[in-house]
Amino acid sequence: MQEQSMLPEKKAAGKKVNYTTVINLVLFCGLIVLYALYFAGIRGKSSTAQEEQISSLAEKVKEGTANIAFISSERLMEEYELAKKMRQEFNEEQTRMENDLSRRQRGWQSEVEKFQRDIQAGSISMDRAQAKEQELMQQQQELYQLNESFSNRLMQKELEMNNELLEKITEFLTRYNEGHDYDYILGFSRGGGILYASEQFDITNDVLEKLNAEYLSTTSQP
């Protein structure tokens, strides 16, 4: 009986799920570019109306009459309690999926190794060997599909987290701005689109304090 005619020699069921780029806090980069309240306010208007308002704001900036502030995007994601809670939940889900997939892969690999030993020892019939080979190949395919399913579930969870955070922060900043009347509230991150921002326009501490107080007040309610 020829061993090489049996199961293709593969040591694993497929590449391990790579969640590194998903779980990294940079996963919130789509959110970190905070909705500038100005642009949120003109959403849904015609392109001509938007151009007119952008032109008007450009004139304000040129004249020095625009009211602008910024928030540190990195600090917002590191210190906002809701973002921290979501990151912890995401880590736990990622670890659970990785452990589940690894356990299944180890079980599959053990069966492959036993099958190869049975072939070498001649303790399995040709019919049984062919049936077992098909069974192992089916299990391998299922592991590929599980890998893909886990990746998709994490990407979906990432999207839901981004959307929830974006909605919470945008809604909060809309209310926050009622007492400040900023034309712009920008998200500033090192290496981002804004290369320099004067500290006098930094409202990160105030925003974080109020954001966290509001979030903690809701979580402490019975």
N, C-alpha and C. Protein backbone atom coordinates (compact mmCIF):
# COMPACT_ATOMS: atom_id res chain seq x y z
N MET A 1 0.85 -1.19 0.00
CA MET A 1 0.00 0.00 0.00
C MET A 1 0.88 1.24 0.00
N GLN A 2 0.67 2.17 -0.87
CA GLN A 2 1.52 3.34 -0.98
C GLN A 2 0.98 4.46 -0.10
N GLU A 3 1.84 4.92 0.85
CA GLU A 3 1.41 5.96 1.78
C GLU A 3 1.08 7.26 1.06
N GLN A 4 1.90 7.59 0.02
CA GLN A 4 1.70 8.87 -0.63
C GLN A 4 0.38 8.96 -1.38
N SER A 5 -0.33 7.83 -1.56
CA SER A 5 -1.61 7.87 -2.25
C SER A 5 -2.75 8.25 -1.31
N MET A 6 -2.42 8.33 -0.02
CA MET A 6 -3.44 8.66 0.95
C MET A 6 -3.52 10.17 1.14
N LEU A 7 -3.65 10.59 2.41
CA LEU A 7 -3.90 11.99 2.72
C LEU A 7 -2.74 12.86 2.30
N PRO A 8 -2.99 13.97 1.64
CA PRO A 8 -1.91 14.89 1.30
C PRO A 8 -1.20 15.32 2.57
N GLU A 9 0.12 15.44 2.47
CA GLU A 9 0.91 15.77 3.66
C GLU A 9 0.74 17.24 3.99
N LYS A 10 -0.08 17.51 5.05
CA LYS A 10 -0.29 18.88 5.53
C LYS A 10 -0.24 18.83 7.04
N LYS A 11 0.50 19.73 7.61
CA LYS A 11 0.66 19.73 9.05
C LYS A 11 -0.42 20.51 9.77
N ALA A 12 -1.14 21.35 9.05
CA ALA A 12 -2.16 22.15 9.70
C ALA A 12 -3.34 22.28 8.77
N ALA A 13 -4.45 22.69 9.35
CA ALA A 13 -5.67 22.78 8.56
C ALA A 13 -5.76 24.06 7.78
N GLY A 14 -4.82 24.90 7.91
CA GLY A 14 -4.86 26.18 7.20
C GLY A 14 -4.19 27.22 8.04
N LYS A 15 -3.92 28.36 7.47
CA LYS A 15 -3.23 29.37 8.24
C LYS A 15 -4.09 29.79 9.41
N LYS A 16 -3.43 30.05 10.53
CA LYS A 16 -4.13 30.43 11.73
C LYS A 16 -4.76 31.80 11.54
N VAL A 17 -5.93 31.97 12.15
CA VAL A 17 -6.61 33.25 12.01
C VAL A 17 -5.70 34.36 12.50
N ASN A 18 -5.47 35.37 11.68
CA ASN A 18 -4.63 36.49 12.05
C ASN A 18 -5.50 37.64 12.49
N TYR A 19 -5.65 37.80 13.79
CA TYR A 19 -6.51 38.85 14.30
C TYR A 19 -5.73 40.08 14.72
N THR A 20 -4.40 40.06 14.54
CA THR A 20 -3.57 41.13 15.08
C THR A 20 -4.02 42.49 14.59
N THR A 21 -4.21 42.60 13.27
CA THR A 21 -4.59 43.90 12.73
C THR A 21 -6.02 44.25 13.10
N VAL A 22 -6.81 43.25 13.46
CA VAL A 22 -8.19 43.53 13.82
C VAL A 22 -8.27 44.05 15.24
N ILE A 23 -7.56 43.41 16.17
CA ILE A 23 -7.70 43.74 17.57
C ILE A 23 -6.89 44.95 17.96
N ASN A 24 -5.86 45.26 17.21
CA ASN A 24 -5.06 46.43 17.53
C ASN A 24 -5.97 47.64 17.65
N LEU A 25 -5.66 48.51 18.58
CA LEU A 25 -6.53 49.67 18.80
C LEU A 25 -6.66 50.51 17.55
N VAL A 26 -5.73 50.36 16.63
CA VAL A 26 -5.86 51.10 15.37
C VAL A 26 -7.11 50.68 14.63
N LEU A 27 -7.72 49.60 15.10
CA LEU A 27 -8.99 49.19 14.51
C LEU A 27 -10.00 50.32 14.59
N PHE A 28 -9.79 51.27 15.49
CA PHE A 28 -10.70 52.39 15.63
C PHE A 28 -10.31 53.58 14.77
N CYS A 29 -9.34 53.38 13.86
CA CYS A 29 -8.88 54.53 13.07
C CYS A 29 -10.00 55.16 12.26
N GLY A 30 -10.93 54.30 11.77
CA GLY A 30 -12.03 54.87 11.02
C GLY A 30 -12.87 55.80 11.88
N LEU A 31 -12.89 55.52 13.19
CA LEU A 31 -13.63 56.36 14.11
C LEU A 31 -12.82 57.55 14.54
N ILE A 32 -11.50 57.34 14.71
CA ILE A 32 -10.65 58.35 15.32
C ILE A 32 -10.69 59.67 14.56
N VAL A 33 -10.87 59.60 13.24
CA VAL A 33 -11.03 60.85 12.50
C VAL A 33 -12.44 61.34 12.83
N LEU A 34 -12.54 62.01 13.95
CA LEU A 34 -13.84 62.41 14.49
C LEU A 34 -14.63 63.23 13.50
N TYR A 35 -15.94 63.03 13.53
CA TYR A 35 -16.80 63.85 12.70
C TYR A 35 -16.64 65.29 13.15
N ALA A 36 -16.08 66.13 12.32
CA ALA A 36 -16.06 67.55 12.64
C ALA A 36 -17.50 68.01 12.65
N LEU A 37 -17.87 68.70 13.68
CA LEU A 37 -19.28 69.06 13.82
C LEU A 37 -19.76 69.90 12.65
N TYR A 38 -18.87 70.63 12.09
CA TYR A 38 -19.27 71.45 10.94
C TYR A 38 -19.74 70.58 9.80
N PHE A 39 -18.95 69.55 9.48
CA PHE A 39 -19.31 68.69 8.36
C PHE A 39 -20.53 67.85 8.70
N ALA A 40 -20.66 67.45 9.97
CA ALA A 40 -21.85 66.69 10.35
C ALA A 40 -23.09 67.55 10.16
N GLY A 41 -22.94 68.85 10.36
CA GLY A 41 -24.08 69.74 10.24
C GLY A 41 -24.52 69.97 8.82
N ILE A 42 -23.60 69.82 7.85
CA ILE A 42 -23.98 70.09 6.46
C ILE A 42 -24.24 68.80 5.69
N ARG A 43 -24.19 67.65 6.41
CA ARG A 43 -24.45 66.38 5.74
C ARG A 43 -25.86 66.38 5.16
N GLY A 44 -26.03 65.90 3.98
CA GLY A 44 -27.34 65.79 3.37
C GLY A 44 -27.70 66.98 2.52
N LYS A 45 -26.91 68.06 2.59
CA LYS A 45 -27.20 69.21 1.74
C LYS A 45 -26.59 69.01 0.38
N SER A 46 -27.03 69.82 -0.56
CA SER A 46 -26.51 69.70 -1.92
C SER A 46 -25.05 70.07 -1.95
N SER A 47 -24.34 69.59 -3.00
CA SER A 47 -22.92 69.88 -3.12
C SER A 47 -22.69 71.38 -3.24
N THR A 48 -23.61 72.09 -3.88
CA THR A 48 -23.46 73.55 -4.02
C THR A 48 -23.55 74.22 -2.66
N ALA A 49 -24.51 73.80 -1.84
CA ALA A 49 -24.66 74.37 -0.50
C ALA A 49 -23.44 74.07 0.35
N GLN A 50 -22.91 72.85 0.23
CA GLN A 50 -21.73 72.49 1.00
C GLN A 50 -20.54 73.34 0.58
N GLU A 51 -20.39 73.52 -0.73
CA GLU A 51 -19.28 74.32 -1.22
C GLU A 51 -19.37 75.76 -0.70
N GLU A 52 -20.60 76.30 -0.66
CA GLU A 52 -20.78 77.66 -0.17
C GLU A 52 -20.41 77.77 1.30
N GLN A 53 -20.82 76.77 2.11
CA GLN A 53 -20.51 76.82 3.53
C GLN A 53 -19.02 76.60 3.77
N ILE A 54 -18.41 75.69 3.00
CA ILE A 54 -16.96 75.48 3.14
C ILE A 54 -16.21 76.74 2.75
N SER A 55 -16.67 77.41 1.70
CA SER A 55 -16.05 78.66 1.28
C SER A 55 -16.18 79.72 2.35
N SER A 56 -17.38 79.77 2.97
CA SER A 56 -17.61 80.74 4.04
C SER A 56 -16.70 80.48 5.23
N LEU A 57 -16.55 79.18 5.58
CA LEU A 57 -15.68 78.84 6.70
C LEU A 57 -14.23 79.15 6.37
N ALA A 58 -13.83 78.91 5.13
CA ALA A 58 -12.46 79.22 4.72
C ALA A 58 -12.17 80.70 4.90
N GLU A 59 -13.17 81.52 4.62
CA GLU A 59 -13.00 82.96 4.81
C GLU A 59 -12.83 83.29 6.29
N LYS A 60 -13.60 82.61 7.13
CA LYS A 60 -13.48 82.83 8.57
C LYS A 60 -12.08 82.47 9.07
N VAL A 61 -11.57 81.32 8.57
CA VAL A 61 -10.23 80.90 8.97
C VAL A 61 -9.21 81.93 8.52
N LYS A 62 -9.37 82.39 7.30
CA LYS A 62 -8.45 83.39 6.74
C LYS A 62 -8.48 84.68 7.56
N GLU A 63 -9.68 85.08 8.01
CA GLU A 63 -9.83 86.31 8.77
C GLU A 63 -9.52 86.12 10.25
N GLY A 64 -9.36 84.85 10.66
CA GLY A 64 -9.06 84.57 12.06
C GLY A 64 -10.29 84.61 12.95
N THR A 65 -11.47 84.47 12.37
CA THR A 65 -12.70 84.53 13.16
C THR A 65 -13.33 83.16 13.38
N ALA A 66 -12.74 82.10 12.83
CA ALA A 66 -13.29 80.75 13.02
C ALA A 66 -12.99 80.26 14.42
N ASN A 67 -13.94 79.59 15.03
CA ASN A 67 -13.80 79.05 16.38
C ASN A 67 -13.50 77.57 16.27
N ILE A 68 -12.25 77.18 16.58
CA ILE A 68 -11.78 75.82 16.33
C ILE A 68 -11.21 75.22 17.61
N ALA A 69 -11.45 73.93 17.81
CA ALA A 69 -10.84 73.18 18.92
C ALA A 69 -10.48 71.80 18.40
N PHE A 70 -9.68 71.07 19.20
CA PHE A 70 -9.32 69.71 18.79
C PHE A 70 -9.28 68.79 19.98
N ILE A 71 -9.40 67.50 19.68
CA ILE A 71 -9.33 66.44 20.69
C ILE A 71 -8.24 65.46 20.27
N SER A 72 -7.44 64.99 21.22
CA SER A 72 -6.43 63.97 20.94
C SER A 72 -7.14 62.64 20.69
N SER A 73 -7.04 62.15 19.47
CA SER A 73 -7.72 60.90 19.10
C SER A 73 -7.18 59.72 19.90
N GLU A 74 -5.84 59.68 20.08
CA GLU A 74 -5.25 58.56 20.82
C GLU A 74 -5.75 58.53 22.26
N ARG A 75 -5.76 59.69 22.90
CA ARG A 75 -6.22 59.73 24.30
C ARG A 75 -7.70 59.39 24.40
N LEU A 76 -8.47 59.83 23.45
CA LEU A 76 -9.90 59.53 23.47
C LEU A 76 -10.13 58.02 23.46
N MET A 77 -9.41 57.31 22.60
CA MET A 77 -9.58 55.87 22.50
C MET A 77 -8.96 55.12 23.68
N GLU A 78 -7.92 55.70 24.28
CA GLU A 78 -7.25 55.03 25.41
C GLU A 78 -7.95 55.29 26.74
N GLU A 79 -8.63 56.43 26.86
CA GLU A 79 -9.15 56.83 28.17
C GLU A 79 -10.67 56.90 28.24
N TYR A 80 -11.35 56.80 27.12
CA TYR A 80 -12.81 56.79 27.14
C TYR A 80 -13.25 55.42 27.64
N GLU A 81 -14.02 55.41 28.73
CA GLU A 81 -14.36 54.15 29.39
C GLU A 81 -15.14 53.20 28.50
N LEU A 82 -16.00 53.72 27.65
CA LEU A 82 -16.76 52.85 26.75
C LEU A 82 -15.84 52.17 25.75
N ALA A 83 -14.86 52.93 25.22
CA ALA A 83 -13.90 52.34 24.28
C ALA A 83 -13.06 51.27 24.97
N LYS A 84 -12.68 51.50 26.21
CA LYS A 84 -11.89 50.52 26.97
C LYS A 84 -12.70 49.24 27.19
N LYS A 85 -13.98 49.41 27.53
CA LYS A 85 -14.84 48.25 27.76
C LYS A 85 -15.00 47.44 26.46
N MET A 86 -15.22 48.14 25.35
CA MET A 86 -15.36 47.45 24.07
C MET A 86 -14.09 46.72 23.68
N ARG A 87 -12.95 47.36 23.93
CA ARG A 87 -11.69 46.71 23.59
C ARG A 87 -11.49 45.44 24.40
N GLN A 88 -11.87 45.46 25.68
CA GLN A 88 -11.76 44.27 26.52
C GLN A 88 -12.67 43.15 26.01
N GLU A 89 -13.89 43.50 25.66
CA GLU A 89 -14.83 42.51 25.14
C GLU A 89 -14.32 41.91 23.83
N PHE A 90 -13.73 42.78 23.00
CA PHE A 90 -13.20 42.30 21.73
C PHE A 90 -12.04 41.34 21.96
N ASN A 91 -11.17 41.67 22.90
CA ASN A 91 -10.03 40.80 23.24
C ASN A 91 -10.52 39.43 23.70
N GLU A 92 -11.55 39.44 24.55
CA GLU A 92 -12.07 38.18 25.08
C GLU A 92 -12.67 37.33 23.97
N GLU A 93 -13.41 37.96 23.06
CA GLU A 93 -14.01 37.23 21.95
C GLU A 93 -12.94 36.68 21.01
N GLN A 94 -11.92 37.48 20.74
CA GLN A 94 -10.83 37.04 19.88
C GLN A 94 -10.10 35.84 20.49
N THR A 95 -9.82 35.91 21.80
CA THR A 95 -9.12 34.81 22.47
C THR A 95 -9.95 33.53 22.45
N ARG A 96 -11.26 33.68 22.68
CA ARG A 96 -12.13 32.50 22.67
C ARG A 96 -12.12 31.83 21.30
N MET A 97 -12.19 32.62 20.24
CA MET A 97 -12.20 32.06 18.89
C MET A 97 -10.86 31.41 18.55
N GLU A 98 -9.78 32.07 18.93
CA GLU A 98 -8.45 31.50 18.65
C GLU A 98 -8.28 30.16 19.36
N ASN A 99 -8.70 30.10 20.64
CA ASN A 99 -8.56 28.87 21.40
C ASN A 99 -9.42 27.75 20.81
N ASP A 100 -10.63 28.09 20.39
CA ASP A 100 -11.53 27.10 19.79
C ASP A 100 -10.93 26.54 18.50
N LEU A 101 -10.43 27.44 17.65
CA LEU A 101 -9.85 27.00 16.38
C LEU A 101 -8.59 26.17 16.61
N SER A 102 -7.75 26.59 17.55
CA SER A 102 -6.52 25.85 17.84
C SER A 102 -6.83 24.45 18.36
N ARG A 103 -7.85 24.35 19.21
CA ARG A 103 -8.24 23.04 19.74
C ARG A 103 -8.70 22.11 18.62
N ARG A 104 -9.50 22.64 17.72
CA ARG A 104 -9.99 21.82 16.60
C ARG A 104 -8.83 21.42 15.67
N GLN A 105 -7.90 22.35 15.44
CA GLN A 105 -6.76 22.03 14.58
C GLN A 105 -5.88 20.94 15.18
N ARG A 106 -5.68 21.01 16.51
CA ARG A 106 -4.87 19.98 17.17
C ARG A 106 -5.54 18.62 17.07
N GLY A 107 -6.87 18.58 17.25
CA GLY A 107 -7.58 17.32 17.13
C GLY A 107 -7.48 16.76 15.72
N TRP A 108 -7.61 17.62 14.73
CA TRP A 108 -7.49 17.18 13.33
C TRP A 108 -6.09 16.65 13.05
N GLN A 109 -5.07 17.35 13.53
CA GLN A 109 -3.69 16.94 13.28
C GLN A 109 -3.40 15.59 13.94
N SER A 110 -3.97 15.38 15.12
CA SER A 110 -3.77 14.09 15.80
C SER A 110 -4.36 12.94 14.98
N GLU A 111 -5.54 13.18 14.40
CA GLU A 111 -6.16 12.15 13.57
C GLU A 111 -5.34 11.88 12.31
N VAL A 112 -4.77 12.93 11.72
CA VAL A 112 -3.92 12.76 10.54
C VAL A 112 -2.71 11.91 10.87
N GLU A 113 -2.07 12.20 11.98
CA GLU A 113 -0.86 11.46 12.37
C GLU A 113 -1.18 9.99 12.66
N LYS A 114 -2.31 9.75 13.32
CA LYS A 114 -2.71 8.36 13.60
C LYS A 114 -3.01 7.62 12.29
N PHE A 115 -3.67 8.30 11.36
CA PHE A 115 -3.97 7.71 10.07
C PHE A 115 -2.69 7.33 9.33
N GLN A 116 -1.70 8.19 9.38
CA GLN A 116 -0.44 7.90 8.70
C GLN A 116 0.28 6.73 9.36
N ARG A 117 0.19 6.64 10.69
CA ARG A 117 0.81 5.50 11.38
C ARG A 117 0.11 4.19 11.01
N ASP A 118 -1.22 4.23 10.90
CA ASP A 118 -1.96 3.03 10.52
C ASP A 118 -1.57 2.58 9.12
N ILE A 119 -1.38 3.52 8.21
CA ILE A 119 -0.98 3.17 6.85
C ILE A 119 0.41 2.53 6.86
N GLN A 120 1.33 3.14 7.60
CA GLN A 120 2.70 2.60 7.66
C GLN A 120 2.73 1.21 8.26
N ALA A 121 1.85 0.98 9.25
CA ALA A 121 1.81 -0.33 9.91
C ALA A 121 1.01 -1.35 9.12
N GLY A 122 0.30 -0.90 8.08
CA GLY A 122 -0.52 -1.81 7.28
C GLY A 122 -1.71 -2.34 8.03
N SER A 123 -2.18 -1.57 9.04
CA SER A 123 -3.27 -2.06 9.90
C SER A 123 -4.63 -1.53 9.47
N ILE A 124 -4.70 -1.00 8.28
CA ILE A 124 -5.96 -0.46 7.80
C ILE A 124 -6.16 -0.90 6.36
N SER A 125 -7.37 -1.28 6.03
CA SER A 125 -7.64 -1.77 4.68
C SER A 125 -7.67 -0.61 3.69
N MET A 126 -7.57 -0.94 2.41
CA MET A 126 -7.59 0.09 1.37
C MET A 126 -8.92 0.86 1.38
N ASP A 127 -10.03 0.12 1.49
CA ASP A 127 -11.34 0.77 1.50
C ASP A 127 -11.47 1.71 2.70
N ARG A 128 -11.03 1.21 3.86
CA ARG A 128 -11.12 2.03 5.07
C ARG A 128 -10.19 3.24 4.98
N ALA A 129 -9.03 3.05 4.38
CA ALA A 129 -8.07 4.14 4.24
C ALA A 129 -8.63 5.24 3.34
N GLN A 130 -9.26 4.85 2.24
CA GLN A 130 -9.83 5.83 1.33
C GLN A 130 -10.98 6.60 1.99
N ALA A 131 -11.80 5.88 2.78
CA ALA A 131 -12.90 6.53 3.47
C ALA A 131 -12.39 7.51 4.52
N LYS A 132 -11.33 7.09 5.25
CA LYS A 132 -10.75 7.95 6.28
C LYS A 132 -10.10 9.17 5.66
N GLU A 133 -9.47 8.97 4.52
CA GLU A 133 -8.85 10.11 3.84
C GLU A 133 -9.91 11.14 3.47
N GLN A 134 -11.02 10.70 2.93
CA GLN A 134 -12.09 11.62 2.56
C GLN A 134 -12.65 12.33 3.80
N GLU A 135 -12.76 11.58 4.89
CA GLU A 135 -13.26 12.16 6.14
C GLU A 135 -12.34 13.27 6.65
N LEU A 136 -11.04 13.01 6.61
CA LEU A 136 -10.07 14.00 7.08
C LEU A 136 -10.03 15.22 6.17
N MET A 137 -10.15 14.99 4.88
CA MET A 137 -10.17 16.12 3.95
C MET A 137 -11.41 16.98 4.17
N GLN A 138 -12.54 16.34 4.50
CA GLN A 138 -13.76 17.09 4.80
C GLN A 138 -13.58 17.91 6.07
N GLN A 139 -12.97 17.32 7.08
CA GLN A 139 -12.71 18.04 8.32
C GLN A 139 -11.77 19.23 8.08
N GLN A 140 -10.79 19.03 7.21
CA GLN A 140 -9.88 20.12 6.88
C GLN A 140 -10.64 21.28 6.23
N GLN A 141 -11.54 20.96 5.32
CA GLN A 141 -12.33 21.99 4.66
C GLN A 141 -13.21 22.74 5.67
N GLU A 142 -13.75 22.00 6.62
CA GLU A 142 -14.58 22.63 7.65
C GLU A 142 -13.76 23.58 8.50
N LEU A 143 -12.49 23.22 8.75
CA LEU A 143 -11.62 24.11 9.51
C LEU A 143 -11.32 25.39 8.73
N TYR A 144 -11.11 25.27 7.43
CA TYR A 144 -10.93 26.45 6.59
C TYR A 144 -12.16 27.37 6.71
N GLN A 145 -13.34 26.75 6.62
CA GLN A 145 -14.57 27.53 6.67
C GLN A 145 -14.77 28.17 8.05
N LEU A 146 -14.39 27.45 9.11
CA LEU A 146 -14.50 28.00 10.46
C LEU A 146 -13.56 29.19 10.63
N ASN A 147 -12.36 29.04 10.08
CA ASN A 147 -11.39 30.13 10.10
C ASN A 147 -12.00 31.38 9.47
N GLU A 148 -12.59 31.20 8.30
CA GLU A 148 -13.20 32.32 7.58
C GLU A 148 -14.37 32.89 8.36
N SER A 149 -15.17 32.01 8.96
CA SER A 149 -16.33 32.46 9.73
C SER A 149 -15.91 33.30 10.92
N PHE A 150 -14.87 32.86 11.65
CA PHE A 150 -14.38 33.61 12.80
C PHE A 150 -13.87 34.98 12.37
N SER A 151 -13.13 35.02 11.26
CA SER A 151 -12.60 36.29 10.76
C SER A 151 -13.75 37.24 10.43
N ASN A 152 -14.78 36.73 9.77
CA ASN A 152 -15.91 37.56 9.39
C ASN A 152 -16.66 38.07 10.62
N ARG A 153 -16.81 37.21 11.62
CA ARG A 153 -17.51 37.61 12.83
C ARG A 153 -16.76 38.72 13.56
N LEU A 154 -15.43 38.62 13.59
CA LEU A 154 -14.65 39.67 14.24
C LEU A 154 -14.71 40.98 13.46
N MET A 155 -14.69 40.89 12.15
CA MET A 155 -14.80 42.10 11.34
C MET A 155 -16.16 42.76 11.54
N GLN A 156 -17.21 41.94 11.65
CA GLN A 156 -18.54 42.49 11.89
C GLN A 156 -18.61 43.14 13.26
N LYS A 157 -18.00 42.50 14.24
CA LYS A 157 -17.99 43.07 15.60
C LYS A 157 -17.22 44.38 15.61
N GLU A 158 -16.12 44.43 14.87
CA GLU A 158 -15.34 45.66 14.76
C GLU A 158 -16.19 46.78 14.18
N LEU A 159 -16.92 46.47 13.12
CA LEU A 159 -17.77 47.46 12.47
C LEU A 159 -18.85 47.97 13.43
N GLU A 160 -19.47 47.05 14.16
CA GLU A 160 -20.51 47.44 15.11
C GLU A 160 -19.95 48.32 16.21
N MET A 161 -18.75 47.99 16.71
CA MET A 161 -18.12 48.79 17.74
C MET A 161 -17.79 50.19 17.22
N ASN A 162 -17.24 50.25 16.02
CA ASN A 162 -16.92 51.55 15.42
C ASN A 162 -18.17 52.41 15.30
N ASN A 163 -19.24 51.80 14.80
CA ASN A 163 -20.48 52.55 14.61
C ASN A 163 -21.04 53.05 15.94
N GLU A 164 -21.03 52.20 16.95
CA GLU A 164 -21.57 52.60 18.25
C GLU A 164 -20.74 53.73 18.86
N LEU A 165 -19.42 53.60 18.80
CA LEU A 165 -18.57 54.65 19.35
C LEU A 165 -18.75 55.96 18.58
N LEU A 166 -18.81 55.85 17.27
CA LEU A 166 -18.98 57.04 16.44
C LEU A 166 -20.28 57.75 16.79
N GLU A 167 -21.36 56.97 16.94
CA GLU A 167 -22.65 57.57 17.28
C GLU A 167 -22.61 58.22 18.65
N LYS A 168 -22.01 57.53 19.63
CA LYS A 168 -21.94 58.07 20.99
C LYS A 168 -21.14 59.38 21.02
N ILE A 169 -19.99 59.38 20.36
CA ILE A 169 -19.13 60.56 20.42
C ILE A 169 -19.72 61.71 19.63
N THR A 170 -20.26 61.41 18.46
CA THR A 170 -20.86 62.47 17.64
C THR A 170 -22.05 63.09 18.35
N GLU A 171 -22.89 62.24 18.95
CA GLU A 171 -24.06 62.75 19.67
C GLU A 171 -23.63 63.60 20.87
N PHE A 172 -22.60 63.13 21.58
CA PHE A 172 -22.12 63.89 22.73
C PHE A 172 -21.54 65.23 22.30
N LEU A 173 -20.72 65.23 21.25
CA LEU A 173 -20.08 66.47 20.82
C LEU A 173 -21.11 67.47 20.30
N THR A 174 -22.18 66.97 19.71
CA THR A 174 -23.24 67.87 19.27
C THR A 174 -23.83 68.62 20.46
N ARG A 175 -24.09 67.87 21.55
CA ARG A 175 -24.61 68.51 22.76
C ARG A 175 -23.55 69.38 23.42
N TYR A 176 -22.34 68.88 23.46
CA TYR A 176 -21.23 69.63 24.07
C TYR A 176 -21.04 70.98 23.38
N ASN A 177 -21.18 70.98 22.07
CA ASN A 177 -20.93 72.20 21.30
C ASN A 177 -22.01 73.26 21.47
N GLU A 178 -23.16 72.87 22.01
CA GLU A 178 -24.21 73.85 22.22
C GLU A 178 -23.76 74.96 23.17
N GLY A 179 -22.85 74.62 24.08
CA GLY A 179 -22.37 75.63 25.02
C GLY A 179 -21.05 76.24 24.63
N HIS A 180 -20.51 75.85 23.47
CA HIS A 180 -19.20 76.36 23.06
C HIS A 180 -19.20 77.01 21.68
N ASP A 181 -20.09 76.57 20.83
CA ASP A 181 -20.26 77.19 19.51
C ASP A 181 -19.00 77.12 18.65
N TYR A 182 -18.39 75.93 18.58
CA TYR A 182 -17.22 75.75 17.72
C TYR A 182 -17.67 75.57 16.27
N ASP A 183 -16.89 76.10 15.35
CA ASP A 183 -17.09 75.80 13.94
C ASP A 183 -16.52 74.43 13.61
N TYR A 184 -15.39 74.09 14.23
CA TYR A 184 -14.70 72.82 14.03
C TYR A 184 -14.36 72.21 15.37
N ILE A 185 -14.56 70.91 15.52
CA ILE A 185 -13.91 70.13 16.57
C ILE A 185 -13.17 69.03 15.84
N LEU A 186 -11.86 69.11 15.82
CA LEU A 186 -11.04 68.20 15.03
C LEU A 186 -10.49 67.06 15.87
N GLY A 187 -10.22 65.94 15.22
CA GLY A 187 -9.52 64.85 15.87
C GLY A 187 -8.04 64.92 15.49
N PHE A 188 -7.18 65.10 16.48
CA PHE A 188 -5.75 65.24 16.22
C PHE A 188 -5.02 63.96 16.63
N SER A 189 -4.22 63.42 15.73
CA SER A 189 -3.39 62.25 16.04
C SER A 189 -2.01 62.45 15.42
N ARG A 190 -1.00 62.01 16.16
CA ARG A 190 0.37 62.15 15.67
C ARG A 190 0.53 61.40 14.34
N GLY A 191 1.06 62.10 13.34
CA GLY A 191 1.24 61.49 12.04
C GLY A 191 -0.01 61.54 11.18
N GLY A 192 -1.08 62.19 11.68
CA GLY A 192 -2.31 62.27 10.92
C GLY A 192 -2.30 63.46 9.97
N GLY A 193 -3.49 63.85 9.54
CA GLY A 193 -3.59 64.92 8.56
C GLY A 193 -3.21 66.28 9.12
N ILE A 194 -3.41 66.49 10.44
CA ILE A 194 -3.04 67.75 11.08
C ILE A 194 -1.65 67.57 11.67
N LEU A 195 -0.68 68.30 11.16
CA LEU A 195 0.72 68.10 11.58
C LEU A 195 1.07 68.88 12.84
N TYR A 196 0.31 69.93 13.13
CA TYR A 196 0.59 70.70 14.35
C TYR A 196 -0.72 71.27 14.88
N ALA A 197 -0.86 71.27 16.20
CA ALA A 197 -2.04 71.87 16.84
C ALA A 197 -1.59 72.52 18.14
N SER A 198 -1.93 73.79 18.31
CA SER A 198 -1.56 74.53 19.51
C SER A 198 -2.35 74.01 20.70
N GLU A 199 -1.69 73.86 21.85
CA GLU A 199 -2.33 73.32 23.05
C GLU A 199 -3.49 74.19 23.53
N GLN A 200 -3.49 75.46 23.17
CA GLN A 200 -4.56 76.33 23.65
C GLN A 200 -5.92 75.94 23.08
N PHE A 201 -5.92 75.15 21.99
CA PHE A 201 -7.17 74.72 21.38
C PHE A 201 -7.53 73.29 21.77
N ASP A 202 -6.74 72.69 22.68
CA ASP A 202 -6.94 71.29 23.08
C ASP A 202 -8.04 71.20 24.14
N ILE A 203 -9.13 70.52 23.81
CA ILE A 203 -10.24 70.35 24.76
C ILE A 203 -10.38 68.89 25.19
N THR A 204 -9.31 68.12 25.01
CA THR A 204 -9.37 66.68 25.30
C THR A 204 -9.76 66.40 26.74
N ASN A 205 -9.11 67.08 27.69
CA ASN A 205 -9.39 66.81 29.11
C ASN A 205 -10.85 67.05 29.45
N ASP A 206 -11.38 68.16 28.99
CA ASP A 206 -12.76 68.50 29.30
C ASP A 206 -13.73 67.50 28.67
N VAL A 207 -13.48 67.16 27.41
CA VAL A 207 -14.36 66.21 26.72
C VAL A 207 -14.30 64.84 27.38
N LEU A 208 -13.10 64.36 27.71
CA LEU A 208 -12.97 63.05 28.35
C LEU A 208 -13.65 63.02 29.72
N GLU A 209 -13.47 64.09 30.47
CA GLU A 209 -14.08 64.15 31.80
C GLU A 209 -15.60 64.04 31.70
N LYS A 210 -16.18 64.80 30.78
CA LYS A 210 -17.64 64.81 30.65
C LYS A 210 -18.15 63.52 29.99
N LEU A 211 -17.42 63.02 28.99
CA LEU A 211 -17.80 61.76 28.34
C LEU A 211 -17.83 60.62 29.36
N ASN A 212 -16.77 60.50 30.15
CA ASN A 212 -16.69 59.40 31.10
C ASN A 212 -17.70 59.55 32.23
N ALA A 213 -17.91 60.78 32.67
CA ALA A 213 -18.91 61.00 33.73
C ALA A 213 -20.28 60.59 33.23
N GLU A 214 -20.60 60.93 31.99
CA GLU A 214 -21.90 60.57 31.42
C GLU A 214 -22.02 59.06 31.26
N TYR A 215 -20.96 58.41 30.76
CA TYR A 215 -21.00 56.96 30.56
C TYR A 215 -21.11 56.22 31.91
N LEU A 216 -20.29 56.62 32.88
CA LEU A 216 -20.30 55.94 34.18
C LEU A 216 -21.61 56.14 34.90
N SER A 217 -22.26 57.28 34.69
CA SER A 217 -23.56 57.51 35.34
C SER A 217 -24.61 56.56 34.80
N THR A 218 -24.51 56.19 33.52
CA THR A 218 -25.48 55.28 32.94
C THR A 218 -25.21 53.83 33.36
N THR A 219 -23.93 53.47 33.52
CA THR A 219 -23.60 52.09 33.89
C THR A 219 -23.82 51.82 35.37
N SER A 220 -23.84 52.86 36.18
CA SER A 220 -24.03 52.68 37.62
C SER A 220 -25.49 52.64 38.01
N GLN A 221 -26.36 52.95 37.07
CA GLN A 221 -27.79 52.91 37.37
C GLN A 221 -28.27 51.48 37.53
N PRO A 222 -29.18 51.20 38.49
CA PRO A 222 -29.67 49.83 38.71
C PRO A 222 -30.49 49.33 37.53
